[in-house]
Amino acid sequence: MSKDIFVSAKRAGSVVIASLYLQLDNMNQVEAAYYGGAAPYFRYAGYALQNYDVRQGDLLVDLNNIDPKTSALTQYRVINDPEPFPGEHLELVLDKVRGT
């Protein structure tokens, strides 16, 4: 199941991208296990429609959706080295950051 979101990207506490469109797909258990996931997991495959300068460790903050557990904007951490493609899209692996 996919969802479309807009996020800002933060690096070292500073905003480096103000608005970035992402498609988020739930990652299946086999893929999540490859990245060290354990059940239950909050791991996603993300796709951006342009090659932005997003790096491993960047924090992506959803601009519209509130995490019901924290009552704050939902946050995701980039856990892979994002892969740019010649067709001008970027693939990321993200973990939902809970409790922040």
C-alpha atoms as a PDB file:
ATOM      1  CA  MET A   1       0.000   0.000   0.000  1.00  0.00           C
ATOM      2  CA  SER A   2       1.384   3.401  -0.991  1.00  0.00           C
ATOM      3  CA  LYS A   3       0.829   6.861   0.358  1.00  0.00           C
ATOM      4  CA  ASP A   4       1.951  10.193  -1.027  1.00  0.00           C
ATOM      5  CA  ILE A   5       3.445  12.737   1.366  1.00  0.00           C
ATOM      6  CA  PHE A   6       5.370  15.997   1.382  1.00  0.00           C
ATOM      7  CA  VAL A   7       8.364  16.217   3.721  1.00  0.00           C
ATOM      8  CA  SER A   8      11.130  18.614   4.646  1.00  0.00           C
ATOM      9  CA  ALA A   9      14.655  17.219   4.961  1.00  0.00           C
ATOM     10  CA  LYS A  10      16.840  18.128   7.927  1.00  0.00           C
ATOM     11  CA  ARG A  11      20.562  17.512   8.314  1.00  0.00           C
ATOM     12  CA  ALA A  12      22.388  18.399  11.541  1.00  0.00           C
ATOM     13  CA  GLY A  13      19.282  20.281  12.717  1.00  0.00           C
ATOM     14  CA  SER A  14      19.090  22.540   9.652  1.00  0.00           C
ATOM     15  CA  VAL A  15      16.502  22.321   6.883  1.00  0.00           C
ATOM     16  CA  VAL A  16      18.252  21.398   3.621  1.00  0.00           C
ATOM     17  CA  ILE A  17      15.119  20.783   1.509  1.00  0.00           C
ATOM     18  CA  ALA A  18      11.963  22.710   2.379  1.00  0.00           C
ATOM     19  CA  SER A  19       9.465  20.556   0.459  1.00  0.00           C
ATOM     20  CA  LEU A  20      10.020  17.165  -1.131  1.00  0.00           C
ATOM     21  CA  TYR A  21       7.308  14.906  -2.579  1.00  0.00           C
ATOM     22  CA  LEU A  22       7.666  11.223  -1.618  1.00  0.00           C
ATOM     23  CA  GLN A  23       5.748   8.075  -2.370  1.00  0.00           C
ATOM     24  CA  LEU A  24       5.977   5.716   0.632  1.00  0.00           C
ATOM     25  CA  ASP A  25       5.468   1.968   0.269  1.00  0.00           C
ATOM     26  CA  ASN A  26       5.315  -0.433   3.194  1.00  0.00           C
ATOM     27  CA  MET A  27       8.375  -2.652   3.049  1.00  0.00           C
ATOM     28  CA  ASN A  28       7.771  -6.390   3.154  1.00  0.00           C
ATOM     29  CA  GLN A  29       9.237  -8.459   5.993  1.00  0.00           C
ATOM     30  CA  VAL A  30      12.030 -10.003   3.927  1.00  0.00           C
ATOM     31  CA  GLU A  31      13.314  -6.611   2.762  1.00  0.00           C
ATOM     32  CA  ALA A  32      12.985  -5.139   6.270  1.00  0.00           C
ATOM     33  CA  ALA A  33      15.002  -8.048   7.690  1.00  0.00           C
ATOM     34  CA  TYR A  34      17.796  -7.273   5.222  1.00  0.00           C
ATOM     35  CA  TYR A  35      18.150  -3.840   6.854  1.00  0.00           C
ATOM     36  CA  GLY A  36      18.081  -5.358  10.362  1.00  0.00           C
ATOM     37  CA  GLY A  37      14.367  -4.974  10.997  1.00  0.00           C
ATOM     38  CA  ALA A  38      12.424  -6.902  13.603  1.00  0.00           C
ATOM     39  CA  ALA A  39       8.666  -7.259  13.975  1.00  0.00           C
ATOM     40  CA  PRO A  40       6.867  -5.009  14.526  1.00  0.00           C
ATOM     41  CA  TYR A  41       8.687  -2.658  12.202  1.00  0.00           C
ATOM     42  CA  PHE A  42       8.014   0.756  10.711  1.00  0.00           C
ATOM     43  CA  ARG A  43      10.196   0.586   7.620  1.00  0.00           C
ATOM     44  CA  TYR A  44       9.312   2.046   4.243  1.00  0.00           C
ATOM     45  CA  ALA A  45      10.584   2.243   0.690  1.00  0.00           C
ATOM     46  CA  GLY A  46      10.476   5.862  -0.457  1.00  0.00           C
ATOM     47  CA  TYR A  47      10.551   7.217  -3.991  1.00  0.00           C
ATOM     48  CA  ALA A  48      11.192  10.849  -4.939  1.00  0.00           C
ATOM     49  CA  LEU A  49      10.474  12.081  -8.465  1.00  0.00           C
ATOM     50  CA  GLN A  50      13.717  14.062  -8.690  1.00  0.00           C
ATOM     51  CA  ASN A  51      17.325  13.467  -7.667  1.00  0.00           C
ATOM     52  CA  TYR A  52      17.627  15.574  -4.516  1.00  0.00           C
ATOM     53  CA  ASP A  53      20.641  15.749  -2.213  1.00  0.00           C
ATOM     54  CA  VAL A  54      19.211  13.430   0.448  1.00  0.00           C
ATOM     55  CA  ARG A  55      21.773  11.512   2.497  1.00  0.00           C
ATOM     56  CA  GLN A  56      21.878   8.608   4.916  1.00  0.00           C
ATOM     57  CA  GLY A  57      20.934   9.864   8.373  1.00  0.00           C
ATOM     58  CA  ASP A  58      18.801  12.775   7.158  1.00  0.00           C
ATOM     59  CA  LEU A  59      15.546  13.335   9.058  1.00  0.00           C
ATOM     60  CA  LEU A  60      12.451  13.715   6.871  1.00  0.00           C
ATOM     61  CA  VAL A  61       9.572  15.500   8.589  1.00  0.00           C
ATOM     62  CA  ASP A  62       6.083  15.060   7.135  1.00  0.00           C
ATOM     63  CA  LEU A  63       4.610  18.505   6.501  1.00  0.00           C
ATOM     64  CA  ASN A  64       0.953  17.483   6.909  1.00  0.00           C
ATOM     65  CA  ASN A  65       0.460  14.273   8.891  1.00  0.00           C
ATOM     66  CA  ILE A  66       0.503  14.029  12.672  1.00  0.00           C
ATOM     67  CA  ASP A  67       1.814  10.905  14.423  1.00  0.00           C
ATOM     68  CA  PRO A  68      -1.027   9.971  16.819  1.00  0.00           C
ATOM     69  CA  LYS A  69       1.437   8.539  19.346  1.00  0.00           C
ATOM     70  CA  THR A  70       3.471  11.749  19.696  1.00  0.00           C
ATOM     71  CA  SER A  71       0.953  14.423  18.575  1.00  0.00           C
ATOM     72  CA  ALA A  72       3.789  15.871  16.474  1.00  0.00           C
ATOM     73  CA  LEU A  73       4.529  15.783  12.757  1.00  0.00           C
ATOM     74  CA  THR A  74       5.516  12.278  11.625  1.00  0.00           C
ATOM     75  CA  GLN A  75       9.257  11.827  11.185  1.00  0.00           C
ATOM     76  CA  TYR A  76      11.303   9.363   9.129  1.00  0.00           C
ATOM     77  CA  ARG A  77      15.049   8.651   9.188  1.00  0.00           C
ATOM     78  CA  VAL A  78      16.922   7.718   5.973  1.00  0.00           C
ATOM     79  CA  ILE A  79      18.740   4.464   6.750  1.00  0.00           C
ATOM     80  CA  ASN A  80      20.315   3.610   3.399  1.00  0.00           C
ATOM     81  CA  ASP A  81      22.564   5.425   0.973  1.00  0.00           C
ATOM     82  CA  PRO A  82      19.853   6.911  -1.307  1.00  0.00           C
ATOM     83  CA  GLU A  83      20.114   5.638  -4.848  1.00  0.00           C
ATOM     84  CA  PRO A  84      19.671   8.149  -7.704  1.00  0.00           C
ATOM     85  CA  PHE A  85      18.554   6.881 -11.105  1.00  0.00           C
ATOM     86  CA  PRO A  86      19.101   8.414 -14.567  1.00  0.00           C
ATOM     87  CA  GLY A  87      15.324   8.667 -15.045  1.00  0.00           C
ATOM     88  CA  GLU A  88      15.391  11.463 -12.434  1.00  0.00           C
ATOM     89  CA  HIS A  89      14.079   9.596  -9.431  1.00  0.00           C
ATOM     90  CA  LEU A  90      15.575   8.701  -6.070  1.00  0.00           C
ATOM     91  CA  GLU A  91      15.005   5.549  -4.003  1.00  0.00           C
ATOM     92  CA  LEU A  92      15.297   5.607  -0.190  1.00  0.00           C
ATOM     93  CA  VAL A  93      14.771   3.275   2.755  1.00  0.00           C
ATOM     94  CA  LEU A  94      13.156   5.003   5.737  1.00  0.00           C
ATOM     95  CA  ASP A  95      12.387   4.153   9.345  1.00  0.00           C
ATOM     96  CA  LYS A  96       9.581   5.925  11.151  1.00  0.00           C
ATOM     97  CA  VAL A  97      11.008   7.736  14.191  1.00  0.00           C
ATOM     98  CA  ARG A  98       8.701   7.107  17.154  1.00  0.00           C
ATOM     99  CA  GLY A  99       8.582   8.941  20.442  1.00  0.00           C
ATOM    100  CA  THR A 100      10.113  12.245  19.354  1.00  0.00           C
END
